[in-house]
Amino acid sequence: MMAERRLRVMGSEAHLLVVGGDEGLLSAAEQRLFDLESKWSRFLPQSEVNRVNARPGKELTVSSDSILLFSAAVEANRLTAGLFDPTVLASLMAKGYTRSRERGGDECRIAAPVAAGTAPGCAGIQIDPTCNTVRIPEGSAFDAGGIGKGLAADLVTEEMIRAGAAGALVNLGGDLRVRGHAPGDDSWVVEIEDPFAREASLATLGLEEGAIASSSTLIRTWVHEGRIEHHLIDPRTGDGPSNDVVAASVVAGSGWMAEAFSKVAMLASTPDAALMMIEDAGLAGLVMTREGILEVSSNLAAFQ
């Protein structure tokens, strides 16, 4: 038996699918995603991320979910030699990304504004999983946008399997995680969307278990002070990338890692450098250039 549900959460179109389960598992998964959004969204004033950002330099108690979020972000920063950086929030806000485009215009406010430009980095973030406390340094602000959906997909699929599902899929705007038995086939079949023609696909991949995440500078854009802006920030400059890569997708064992590496692949100097970065991390992926040229990692064939 298979059941599925579609909804909007975390600023994205979400698709939930359960094999060997019922609507009750989907309802629990849906509520869990809204619960994680309430803790992690910078557009919800009472979220735990906002409470931490409002009191830089102070040690604050947060939920175990937020400990996982901050820990995953710091680990992604380490694994990517700083290219993935959750402290680029000031630069995002300077580019006009101060209001939610999905929640009726909710505004992100930082109590102690930090300067845009080069991101302060993760070195000063202190996490104590024993006491469930987090401290960010003064002059810093944290944004879950580059890793939260992947981690949420990891957590919710795990909980669906633990609750009795034979298989589970959570797809949050193209950042997805699958576990267990796929419906009808030996593997989960996932289509990668073409950012130039969203009704078409760049590739069709098969996963027995794992995650795929995609990023693009062509889809989530807005105009600020006469310039077209997007959500991707290079922490080394505080600005968007100026390379030829406009989309990247990464296959990984976890959603948070796939999402983080799909972001940093977009910051590589060339498509070849992006693919090398993905392969050096033991992952697989593909990138699309501004000219519409698709390039894939040598190990992607294992999923085709």
C-alpha atoms as a PDB file:
ATOM      1  CA  MET A   1       0.000   0.000   0.000  1.00  0.00           C
ATOM      2  CA  MET A   2       1.216   3.497  -0.847  1.00  0.00           C
ATOM      3  CA  ALA A   3      -0.049   6.906   0.226  1.00  0.00           C
ATOM      4  CA  GLU A   4       1.188  10.390  -0.641  1.00  0.00           C
ATOM      5  CA  ARG A   5       0.498  14.022   0.118  1.00  0.00           C
ATOM      6  CA  ARG A   6       1.492  17.411  -1.277  1.00  0.00           C
ATOM      7  CA  LEU A   7       1.678  20.636   0.711  1.00  0.00           C
ATOM      8  CA  ARG A   8       3.611  23.865   1.125  1.00  0.00           C
ATOM      9  CA  VAL A   9       6.141  24.073   3.932  1.00  0.00           C
ATOM     10  CA  MET A  10       9.579  25.617   4.440  1.00  0.00           C
ATOM     11  CA  GLY A  11       8.968  27.937   1.502  1.00  0.00           C
ATOM     12  CA  SER A  12       8.665  25.002  -0.885  1.00  0.00           C
ATOM     13  CA  GLU A  13       6.305  22.600  -2.583  1.00  0.00           C
ATOM     14  CA  ALA A  14       6.601  19.412  -0.550  1.00  0.00           C
ATOM     15  CA  HIS A  15       5.850  15.850  -1.606  1.00  0.00           C
ATOM     16  CA  LEU A  16       5.504  13.151   1.043  1.00  0.00           C
ATOM     17  CA  LEU A  17       5.189   9.476   0.132  1.00  0.00           C
ATOM     18  CA  VAL A  18       4.934   6.421   2.353  1.00  0.00           C
ATOM     19  CA  VAL A  19       5.074   2.756   1.344  1.00  0.00           C
ATOM     20  CA  GLY A  20       3.444   0.233   3.656  1.00  0.00           C
ATOM     21  CA  GLY A  21       1.829   2.952   5.713  1.00  0.00           C
ATOM     22  CA  ASP A  22      -1.302   5.057   5.834  1.00  0.00           C
ATOM     23  CA  GLU A  23      -2.557   8.627   6.029  1.00  0.00           C
ATOM     24  CA  GLY A  24      -1.743   8.724   9.726  1.00  0.00           C
ATOM     25  CA  LEU A  25       1.977   8.482   8.983  1.00  0.00           C
ATOM     26  CA  LEU A  26       1.662  11.261   6.417  1.00  0.00           C
ATOM     27  CA  SER A  27      -0.212  13.488   8.866  1.00  0.00           C
ATOM     28  CA  ALA A  28       2.497  12.960  11.472  1.00  0.00           C
ATOM     29  CA  ALA A  29       5.188  13.737   8.879  1.00  0.00           C
ATOM     30  CA  GLU A  30       3.374  16.895   7.788  1.00  0.00           C
ATOM     31  CA  GLN A  31       3.059  18.170  11.345  1.00  0.00           C
ATOM     32  CA  ARG A  32       6.702  17.338  11.989  1.00  0.00           C
ATOM     33  CA  LEU A  33       7.813  19.465   9.036  1.00  0.00           C
ATOM     34  CA  PHE A  34       5.796  22.424  10.316  1.00  0.00           C
ATOM     35  CA  ASP A  35       7.326  21.831  13.755  1.00  0.00           C
ATOM     36  CA  LEU A  36      10.857  21.984  12.323  1.00  0.00           C
ATOM     37  CA  GLU A  37       9.974  25.108  10.330  1.00  0.00           C
ATOM     38  CA  SER A  38       8.711  26.767  13.525  1.00  0.00           C
ATOM     39  CA  LYS A  39      12.113  26.158  15.127  1.00  0.00           C
ATOM     40  CA  TRP A  40      14.385  26.961  12.188  1.00  0.00           C
ATOM     41  CA  SER A  41      12.768  29.672  10.053  1.00  0.00           C
ATOM     42  CA  ARG A  42      14.301  33.129  10.251  1.00  0.00           C
ATOM     43  CA  PHE A  43      10.923  34.531   9.178  1.00  0.00           C
ATOM     44  CA  LEU A  44       9.122  33.340  12.327  1.00  0.00           C
ATOM     45  CA  PRO A  45       9.899  35.727  15.212  1.00  0.00           C
ATOM     46  CA  GLN A  46       9.731  33.064  17.929  1.00  0.00           C
ATOM     47  CA  SER A  47      11.853  30.461  16.139  1.00  0.00           C
ATOM     48  CA  GLU A  48      14.887  29.120  17.946  1.00  0.00           C
ATOM     49  CA  VAL A  49      17.194  30.337  15.174  1.00  0.00           C
ATOM     50  CA  ASN A  50      15.820  33.850  15.606  1.00  0.00           C
ATOM     51  CA  ARG A  51      16.230  33.686  19.389  1.00  0.00           C
ATOM     52  CA  VAL A  52      19.875  32.708  18.952  1.00  0.00           C
ATOM     53  CA  ASN A  53      20.423  35.481  16.384  1.00  0.00           C
ATOM     54  CA  ALA A  54      18.779  38.038  18.663  1.00  0.00           C
ATOM     55  CA  ARG A  55      21.301  37.388  21.447  1.00  0.00           C
ATOM     56  CA  PRO A  56      24.761  36.961  19.937  1.00  0.00           C
ATOM     57  CA  GLY A  57      27.406  36.243  22.502  1.00  0.00           C
ATOM     58  CA  LYS A  58      24.872  34.582  24.832  1.00  0.00           C
ATOM     59  CA  GLU A  59      24.529  30.853  25.473  1.00  0.00           C
ATOM     60  CA  LEU A  60      20.917  29.824  24.831  1.00  0.00           C
ATOM     61  CA  THR A  61      19.053  26.574  25.387  1.00  0.00           C
ATOM     62  CA  VAL A  62      17.456  25.120  22.245  1.00  0.00           C
ATOM     63  CA  SER A  63      15.760  21.875  21.230  1.00  0.00           C
ATOM     64  CA  SER A  64      17.663  18.758  20.205  1.00  0.00           C
ATOM     65  CA  ASP A  65      16.430  19.419  16.648  1.00  0.00           C
ATOM     66  CA  SER A  66      18.207  22.763  16.598  1.00  0.00           C
ATOM     67  CA  ILE A  67      21.350  21.218  18.073  1.00  0.00           C
ATOM     68  CA  LEU A  68      21.339  18.887  15.051  1.00  0.00           C
ATOM     69  CA  LEU A  69      20.803  21.830  12.710  1.00  0.00           C
ATOM     70  CA  PHE A  70      23.663  23.931  14.065  1.00  0.00           C
ATOM     71  CA  SER A  71      25.922  20.864  14.266  1.00  0.00           C
ATOM     72  CA  ALA A  72      25.206  19.840  10.670  1.00  0.00           C
ATOM     73  CA  ALA A  73      25.842  23.380   9.423  1.00  0.00           C
ATOM     74  CA  VAL A  74      29.177  23.614  11.233  1.00  0.00           C
ATOM     75  CA  GLU A  75      30.184  20.175   9.939  1.00  0.00           C
ATOM     76  CA  ALA A  76      29.235  21.159   6.378  1.00  0.00           C
ATOM     77  CA  ASN A  77      31.361  24.269   6.789  1.00  0.00           C
ATOM     78  CA  ARG A  78      34.295  22.070   7.818  1.00  0.00           C
ATOM     79  CA  LEU A  79      33.795  19.531   5.014  1.00  0.00           C
ATOM     80  CA  THR A  80      33.710  22.274   2.372  1.00  0.00           C
ATOM     81  CA  ALA A  81      36.685  24.222   3.752  1.00  0.00           C
ATOM     82  CA  GLY A  82      34.382  27.122   4.583  1.00  0.00           C
ATOM     83  CA  LEU A  83      32.587  27.405   1.238  1.00  0.00           C
ATOM     84  CA  PHE A  84      29.316  26.360   2.808  1.00  0.00           C
ATOM     85  CA  ASP A  85      28.686  29.055   5.383  1.00  0.00           C
ATOM     86  CA  PRO A  86      25.455  29.559   7.352  1.00  0.00           C
ATOM     87  CA  THR A  87      26.615  32.998   8.540  1.00  0.00           C
ATOM     88  CA  VAL A  88      25.907  34.823   5.247  1.00  0.00           C
ATOM     89  CA  LEU A  89      22.583  36.153   6.516  1.00  0.00           C
ATOM     90  CA  ALA A  90      23.664  39.797   6.592  1.00  0.00           C
ATOM     91  CA  SER A  91      24.611  39.655   2.911  1.00  0.00           C
ATOM     92  CA  LEU A  92      21.306  38.002   2.013  1.00  0.00           C
ATOM     93  CA  MET A  93      19.436  40.765   3.803  1.00  0.00           C
ATOM     94  CA  ALA A  94      21.542  43.445   2.134  1.00  0.00           C
ATOM     95  CA  LYS A  95      20.376  42.029  -1.196  1.00  0.00           C
ATOM     96  CA  GLY A  96      16.769  42.485  -0.190  1.00  0.00           C
ATOM     97  CA  TYR A  97      15.967  39.007   1.079  1.00  0.00           C
ATOM     98  CA  THR A  98      14.373  40.345   4.249  1.00  0.00           C
ATOM     99  CA  ARG A  99      10.841  39.079   3.772  1.00  0.00           C
ATOM    100  CA  SER A 100       9.402  35.630   3.274  1.00  0.00           C
ATOM    101  CA  ARG A 101       7.966  35.026  -0.166  1.00  0.00           C
ATOM    102  CA  GLU A 102       5.894  32.164   1.186  1.00  0.00           C
ATOM    103  CA  ARG A 103       4.429  33.334   4.489  1.00  0.00           C
ATOM    104  CA  GLY A 104       2.478  36.480   3.692  1.00  0.00           C
ATOM    105  CA  GLY A 105       5.454  38.798   3.841  1.00  0.00           C
ATOM    106  CA  ASP A 106       6.805  37.857   7.274  1.00  0.00           C
ATOM    107  CA  GLU A 107       9.939  39.907   7.845  1.00  0.00           C
ATOM    108  CA  CYS A 108      13.277  38.731   9.165  1.00  0.00           C
ATOM    109  CA  ARG A 109      14.628  41.075  11.805  1.00  0.00           C
ATOM    110  CA  ILE A 110      18.058  40.835  13.400  1.00  0.00           C
ATOM    111  CA  ALA A 111      18.071  42.551  16.780  1.00  0.00           C
ATOM    112  CA  ALA A 112      21.758  43.437  16.520  1.00  0.00           C
ATOM    113  CA  PRO A 113      22.426  44.008  12.797  1.00  0.00           C
ATOM    114  CA  VAL A 114      25.661  42.671  11.414  1.00  0.00           C
ATOM    115  CA  ALA A 115      27.606  44.055   8.479  1.00  0.00           C
ATOM    116  CA  ALA A 116      27.239  42.602   5.001  1.00  0.00           C
ATOM    117  CA  GLY A 117      30.318  41.401   3.181  1.00  0.00           C
ATOM    118  CA  THR A 118      32.686  38.553   3.907  1.00  0.00           C
ATOM    119  CA  ALA A 119      30.891  36.056   6.159  1.00  0.00           C
ATOM    120  CA  PRO A 120      32.244  35.766   9.723  1.00  0.00           C
ATOM    121  CA  GLY A 121      32.302  31.957   9.463  1.00  0.00           C
ATOM    122  CA  CYS A 122      31.596  29.166  11.927  1.00  0.00           C
ATOM    123  CA  ALA A 123      34.741  29.184  14.056  1.00  0.00           C
ATOM    124  CA  GLY A 124      33.078  31.065  16.900  1.00  0.00           C
ATOM    125  CA  ILE A 125      29.870  29.024  17.020  1.00  0.00           C
ATOM    126  CA  GLN A 126      29.723  26.997  20.236  1.00  0.00           C
ATOM    127  CA  ILE A 127      27.419  23.970  20.499  1.00  0.00           C
ATOM    128  CA  ASP A 128      26.925  21.862  23.615  1.00  0.00           C
ATOM    129  CA  PRO A 129      24.769  18.796  22.782  1.00  0.00           C
ATOM    130  CA  THR A 130      24.901  17.625  26.401  1.00  0.00           C
ATOM    131  CA  CYS A 131      23.257  20.779  27.727  1.00  0.00           C
ATOM    132  CA  ASN A 132      21.412  21.597  24.464  1.00  0.00           C
ATOM    133  CA  THR A 133      22.931  25.066  24.239  1.00  0.00           C
ATOM    134  CA  VAL A 134      24.156  27.174  21.317  1.00  0.00           C
ATOM    135  CA  ARG A 135      26.153  30.389  21.276  1.00  0.00           C
ATOM    136  CA  ILE A 136      27.006  32.444  18.215  1.00  0.00           C
ATOM    137  CA  PRO A 137      29.630  35.189  18.489  1.00  0.00           C
ATOM    138  CA  GLU A 138      28.815  38.872  18.372  1.00  0.00           C
ATOM    139  CA  GLY A 139      28.841  40.178  14.816  1.00  0.00           C
ATOM    140  CA  SER A 140      27.402  36.937  13.473  1.00  0.00           C
ATOM    141  CA  ALA A 141      23.954  35.695  12.417  1.00  0.00           C
ATOM    142  CA  PHE A 142      22.849  32.194  11.423  1.00  0.00           C
ATOM    143  CA  ASP A 143      20.648  31.175   8.470  1.00  0.00           C
ATOM    144  CA  ALA A 144      19.304  27.616   8.084  1.00  0.00           C
ATOM    145  CA  GLY A 145      18.318  28.174   4.460  1.00  0.00           C
ATOM    146  CA  GLY A 146      21.228  26.298   2.928  1.00  0.00           C
ATOM    147  CA  ILE A 147      20.844  23.076   4.881  1.00  0.00           C
ATOM    148  CA  GLY A 148      17.525  22.987   6.753  1.00  0.00           C
ATOM    149  CA  LYS A 149      15.367  21.308   4.120  1.00  0.00           C
ATOM    150  CA  GLY A 150      17.848  18.495   3.575  1.00  0.00           C
ATOM    151  CA  LEU A 151      18.164  17.864   7.296  1.00  0.00           C
ATOM    152  CA  ALA A 152      14.381  18.000   7.739  1.00  0.00           C
ATOM    153  CA  ALA A 153      13.992  15.358   5.022  1.00  0.00           C
ATOM    154  CA  ASP A 154      16.557  13.196   6.813  1.00  0.00           C
ATOM    155  CA  LEU A 155      14.770  13.456  10.146  1.00  0.00           C
ATOM    156  CA  VAL A 156      11.226  12.963   8.875  1.00  0.00           C
ATOM    157  CA  THR A 157      11.970   9.960   6.658  1.00  0.00           C
ATOM    158  CA  GLU A 158      13.799   8.333   9.565  1.00  0.00           C
ATOM    159  CA  GLU A 159      10.812   8.921  11.826  1.00  0.00           C
ATOM    160  CA  MET A 160       8.391   7.527   9.224  1.00  0.00           C
ATOM    161  CA  ILE A 161      10.399   4.302   8.972  1.00  0.00           C
ATOM    162  CA  ARG A 162      10.639   4.070  12.756  1.00  0.00           C
ATOM    163  CA  ALA A 163       6.854   4.467  12.949  1.00  0.00           C
ATOM    164  CA  GLY A 164       6.333   1.413  10.735  1.00  0.00           C
ATOM    165  CA  ALA A 165       6.640   2.519   7.112  1.00  0.00           C
ATOM    166  CA  ALA A 166       8.350   0.108   4.725  1.00  0.00           C
ATOM    167  CA  GLY A 167       9.539   3.042   2.607  1.00  0.00           C
ATOM    168  CA  ALA A 168       9.469   6.826   2.850  1.00  0.00           C
ATOM    169  CA  LEU A 169      10.178   9.848   0.657  1.00  0.00           C
ATOM    170  CA  VAL A 170      10.268  13.510   1.647  1.00  0.00           C
ATOM    171  CA  ASN A 171      10.869  16.008  -1.161  1.00  0.00           C
ATOM    172  CA  LEU A 172      11.125  19.671  -0.161  1.00  0.00           C
ATOM    173  CA  GLY A 173      11.389  21.759  -3.299  1.00  0.00           C
ATOM    174  CA  GLY A 174      13.832  19.389  -4.972  1.00  0.00           C
ATOM    175  CA  ASP A 175      15.827  18.523  -1.846  1.00  0.00           C
ATOM    176  CA  LEU A 176      14.757  14.971  -1.129  1.00  0.00           C
ATOM    177  CA  ARG A 177      15.564  11.929   0.990  1.00  0.00           C
ATOM    178  CA  VAL A 178      14.428   8.345   0.435  1.00  0.00           C
ATOM    179  CA  ARG A 179      14.601   5.353   2.755  1.00  0.00           C
ATOM    180  CA  GLY A 180      13.415   1.766   2.592  1.00  0.00           C
ATOM    181  CA  HIS A 181      11.371   0.112  -0.131  1.00  0.00           C
ATOM    182  CA  ALA A 182      10.392   2.097  -3.211  1.00  0.00           C
ATOM    183  CA  PRO A 183       6.836   1.754  -4.579  1.00  0.00           C
ATOM    184  CA  GLY A 184       6.784  -0.895  -7.284  1.00  0.00           C
ATOM    185  CA  ASP A 185      10.418  -0.758  -8.389  1.00  0.00           C
ATOM    186  CA  ASP A 186      13.780  -1.899  -7.112  1.00  0.00           C
ATOM    187  CA  SER A 187      14.856   1.694  -6.557  1.00  0.00           C
ATOM    188  CA  TRP A 188      13.398   5.143  -6.089  1.00  0.00           C
ATOM    189  CA  VAL A 189      13.247   6.946  -9.446  1.00  0.00           C
ATOM    190  CA  VAL A 190      14.007  10.675  -9.248  1.00  0.00           C
ATOM    191  CA  GLU A 191      13.914  13.214 -12.083  1.00  0.00           C
ATOM    192  CA  ILE A 192      16.226  16.239 -11.941  1.00  0.00           C
ATOM    193  CA  GLU A 193      14.419  19.364 -13.126  1.00  0.00           C
ATOM    194  CA  ASP A 194      15.830  21.415 -15.992  1.00  0.00           C
ATOM    195  CA  PRO A 195      16.173  25.011 -14.670  1.00  0.00           C
ATOM    196  CA  PHE A 196      15.792  26.378 -18.202  1.00  0.00           C
ATOM    197  CA  ALA A 197      12.600  24.391 -18.902  1.00  0.00           C
ATOM    198  CA  ARG A 198      11.064  23.307 -15.614  1.00  0.00           C
ATOM    199  CA  GLU A 199       8.570  20.959 -17.248  1.00  0.00           C
ATOM    200  CA  ALA A 200      11.517  18.930 -18.581  1.00  0.00           C
ATOM    201  CA  SER A 201      14.205  16.926 -16.799  1.00  0.00           C
ATOM    202  CA  LEU A 202      17.993  16.928 -17.024  1.00  0.00           C
ATOM    203  CA  ALA A 203      18.415  13.364 -15.832  1.00  0.00           C
ATOM    204  CA  THR A 204      16.559  10.445 -14.296  1.00  0.00           C
ATOM    205  CA  LEU A 205      18.350   8.780 -11.391  1.00  0.00           C
ATOM    206  CA  GLY A 206      17.685   5.661  -9.346  1.00  0.00           C
ATOM    207  CA  LEU A 207      18.340   5.524  -5.604  1.00  0.00           C
ATOM    208  CA  GLU A 208      18.046   2.559  -3.302  1.00  0.00           C
ATOM    209  CA  GLU A 209      18.668   4.815  -0.310  1.00  0.00           C
ATOM    210  CA  GLY A 210      19.993   8.340   0.040  1.00  0.00           C
ATOM    211  CA  ALA A 211      19.388  11.912  -1.002  1.00  0.00           C
ATOM    212  CA  ILE A 212      19.462  14.301  -3.933  1.00  0.00           C
ATOM    213  CA  ALA A 213      19.527  18.096  -3.643  1.00  0.00           C
ATOM    214  CA  SER A 214      19.488  20.748  -6.352  1.00  0.00           C
ATOM    215  CA  SER A 215      20.384  24.446  -6.430  1.00  0.00           C
ATOM    216  CA  SER A 216      20.044  27.066  -9.148  1.00  0.00           C
ATOM    217  CA  THR A 217      20.487  30.807  -9.584  1.00  0.00           C
ATOM    218  CA  LEU A 218      17.725  30.847 -12.214  1.00  0.00           C
ATOM    219  CA  ILE A 219      14.649  29.948 -10.203  1.00  0.00           C
ATOM    220  CA  ARG A 220      14.306  31.797  -6.855  1.00  0.00           C
ATOM    221  CA  THR A 221      15.122  35.354  -7.892  1.00  0.00           C
ATOM    222  CA  TRP A 222      13.936  38.865  -7.073  1.00  0.00           C
ATOM    223  CA  VAL A 223      14.772  42.437  -8.055  1.00  0.00           C
ATOM    224  CA  HIS A 224      16.523  44.685  -5.533  1.00  0.00           C
ATOM    225  CA  GLU A 225      17.740  48.183  -6.357  1.00  0.00           C
ATOM    226  CA  GLY A 226      17.495  47.440 -10.053  1.00  0.00           C
ATOM    227  CA  ARG A 227      19.456  44.160  -9.949  1.00  0.00           C
ATOM    228  CA  ILE A 228      18.245  40.594 -10.260  1.00  0.00           C
ATOM    229  CA  GLU A 229      19.312  38.814  -7.067  1.00  0.00           C
ATOM    230  CA  HIS A 230      19.158  35.241  -5.841  1.00  0.00           C
ATOM    231  CA  HIS A 231      19.655  33.322  -2.601  1.00  0.00           C
ATOM    232  CA  LEU A 232      23.154  31.983  -3.255  1.00  0.00           C
ATOM    233  CA  ILE A 233      25.972  33.909  -1.540  1.00  0.00           C
ATOM    234  CA  ASP A 234      29.716  33.350  -1.785  1.00  0.00           C
ATOM    235  CA  PRO A 235      30.969  33.752   1.815  1.00  0.00           C
ATOM    236  CA  ARG A 236      34.344  34.941   0.524  1.00  0.00           C
ATOM    237  CA  THR A 237      32.825  38.038  -1.071  1.00  0.00           C
ATOM    238  CA  GLY A 238      29.339  38.512   0.351  1.00  0.00           C
ATOM    239  CA  ASP A 239      28.049  38.576  -3.224  1.00  0.00           C
ATOM    240  CA  GLY A 240      26.608  36.049  -5.642  1.00  0.00           C
ATOM    241  CA  PRO A 241      28.887  33.827  -7.744  1.00  0.00           C
ATOM    242  CA  SER A 242      30.174  35.196 -11.043  1.00  0.00           C
ATOM    243  CA  ASN A 243      31.019  31.869 -12.670  1.00  0.00           C
ATOM    244  CA  ASP A 244      29.363  29.911 -15.479  1.00  0.00           C
ATOM    245  CA  VAL A 245      27.498  27.408 -13.289  1.00  0.00           C
ATOM    246  CA  VAL A 246      23.768  28.130 -12.981  1.00  0.00           C
ATOM    247  CA  ALA A 247      22.502  24.830 -11.539  1.00  0.00           C
ATOM    248  CA  ALA A 248      23.886  21.860  -9.637  1.00  0.00           C
ATOM    249  CA  SER A 249      22.484  18.611  -8.263  1.00  0.00           C
ATOM    250  CA  VAL A 250      24.268  16.311  -5.818  1.00  0.00           C
ATOM    251  CA  VAL A 251      23.642  12.713  -4.748  1.00  0.00           C
ATOM    252  CA  ALA A 252      24.707  11.891  -1.180  1.00  0.00           C
ATOM    253  CA  GLY A 253      23.916   9.572   1.687  1.00  0.00           C
ATOM    254  CA  SER A 254      22.144  12.312   3.644  1.00  0.00           C
ATOM    255  CA  GLY A 255      19.932  15.219   2.688  1.00  0.00           C
ATOM    256  CA  TRP A 256      21.888  17.841   4.601  1.00  0.00           C
ATOM    257  CA  MET A 257      25.132  16.873   2.883  1.00  0.00           C
ATOM    258  CA  ALA A 258      23.533  16.782  -0.567  1.00  0.00           C
ATOM    259  CA  GLU A 259      22.040  20.245   0.010  1.00  0.00           C
ATOM    260  CA  ALA A 260      25.266  21.752   1.320  1.00  0.00           C
ATOM    261  CA  PHE A 261      27.359  20.427  -1.570  1.00  0.00           C
ATOM    262  CA  SER A 262      24.797  21.476  -4.184  1.00  0.00           C
ATOM    263  CA  LYS A 263      25.268  25.019  -2.860  1.00  0.00           C
ATOM    264  CA  VAL A 264      29.064  25.019  -2.839  1.00  0.00           C
ATOM    265  CA  ALA A 265      29.244  23.429  -6.302  1.00  0.00           C
ATOM    266  CA  MET A 266      27.611  26.615  -7.539  1.00  0.00           C
ATOM    267  CA  LEU A 267      30.520  28.642  -6.147  1.00  0.00           C
ATOM    268  CA  ALA A 268      33.270  26.751  -7.973  1.00  0.00           C
ATOM    269  CA  SER A 269      35.285  28.702 -10.540  1.00  0.00           C
ATOM    270  CA  THR A 270      34.370  26.369 -13.422  1.00  0.00           C
ATOM    271  CA  PRO A 271      32.031  23.408 -14.064  1.00  0.00           C
ATOM    272  CA  ASP A 272      35.034  21.064 -13.966  1.00  0.00           C
ATOM    273  CA  ALA A 273      36.056  22.462 -10.591  1.00  0.00           C
ATOM    274  CA  ALA A 274      32.499  21.974  -9.326  1.00  0.00           C
ATOM    275  CA  LEU A 275      32.483  18.321 -10.374  1.00  0.00           C
ATOM    276  CA  MET A 276      35.923  17.776  -8.859  1.00  0.00           C
ATOM    277  CA  MET A 277      34.688  19.224  -5.568  1.00  0.00           C
ATOM    278  CA  ILE A 278      31.714  16.850  -5.611  1.00  0.00           C
ATOM    279  CA  GLU A 279      33.792  13.778  -6.478  1.00  0.00           C
ATOM    280  CA  ASP A 280      36.539  14.592  -3.973  1.00  0.00           C
ATOM    281  CA  ALA A 281      33.870  14.434  -1.259  1.00  0.00           C
ATOM    282  CA  GLY A 282      32.882  10.939  -2.422  1.00  0.00           C
ATOM    283  CA  LEU A 283      29.598  12.197  -3.880  1.00  0.00           C
ATOM    284  CA  ALA A 284      28.071  12.243  -7.367  1.00  0.00           C
ATOM    285  CA  GLY A 285      26.392  15.049  -9.245  1.00  0.00           C
ATOM    286  CA  LEU A 286      25.818  17.190 -12.281  1.00  0.00           C
ATOM    287  CA  VAL A 287      26.097  20.858 -13.194  1.00  0.00           C
ATOM    288  CA  MET A 288      24.471  23.032 -15.844  1.00  0.00           C
ATOM    289  CA  THR A 289      26.260  25.983 -17.430  1.00  0.00           C
ATOM    290  CA  ARG A 290      24.854  29.332 -18.427  1.00  0.00           C
ATOM    291  CA  GLU A 291      25.028  28.165 -22.056  1.00  0.00           C
ATOM    292  CA  GLY A 292      22.836  25.162 -21.264  1.00  0.00           C
ATOM    293  CA  ILE A 293      25.658  22.604 -21.299  1.00  0.00           C
ATOM    294  CA  LEU A 294      25.169  19.668 -18.926  1.00  0.00           C
ATOM    295  CA  GLU A 295      28.250  18.126 -17.333  1.00  0.00           C
ATOM    296  CA  VAL A 296      28.171  15.103 -15.003  1.00  0.00           C
ATOM    297  CA  SER A 297      30.559  13.510 -12.547  1.00  0.00           C
ATOM    298  CA  SER A 298      32.220  10.282 -13.650  1.00  0.00           C
ATOM    299  CA  ASN A 299      30.479   8.320 -10.895  1.00  0.00           C
ATOM    300  CA  LEU A 300      26.925   9.477 -11.697  1.00  0.00           C
ATOM    301  CA  ALA A 301      26.498   6.515 -14.066  1.00  0.00           C
ATOM    302  CA  ALA A 302      25.998   4.290 -11.015  1.00  0.00           C
ATOM    303  CA  PHE A 303      22.623   5.974 -10.486  1.00  0.00           C
ATOM    304  CA  GLN A 304      21.434   6.002 -14.117  1.00  0.00           C
END
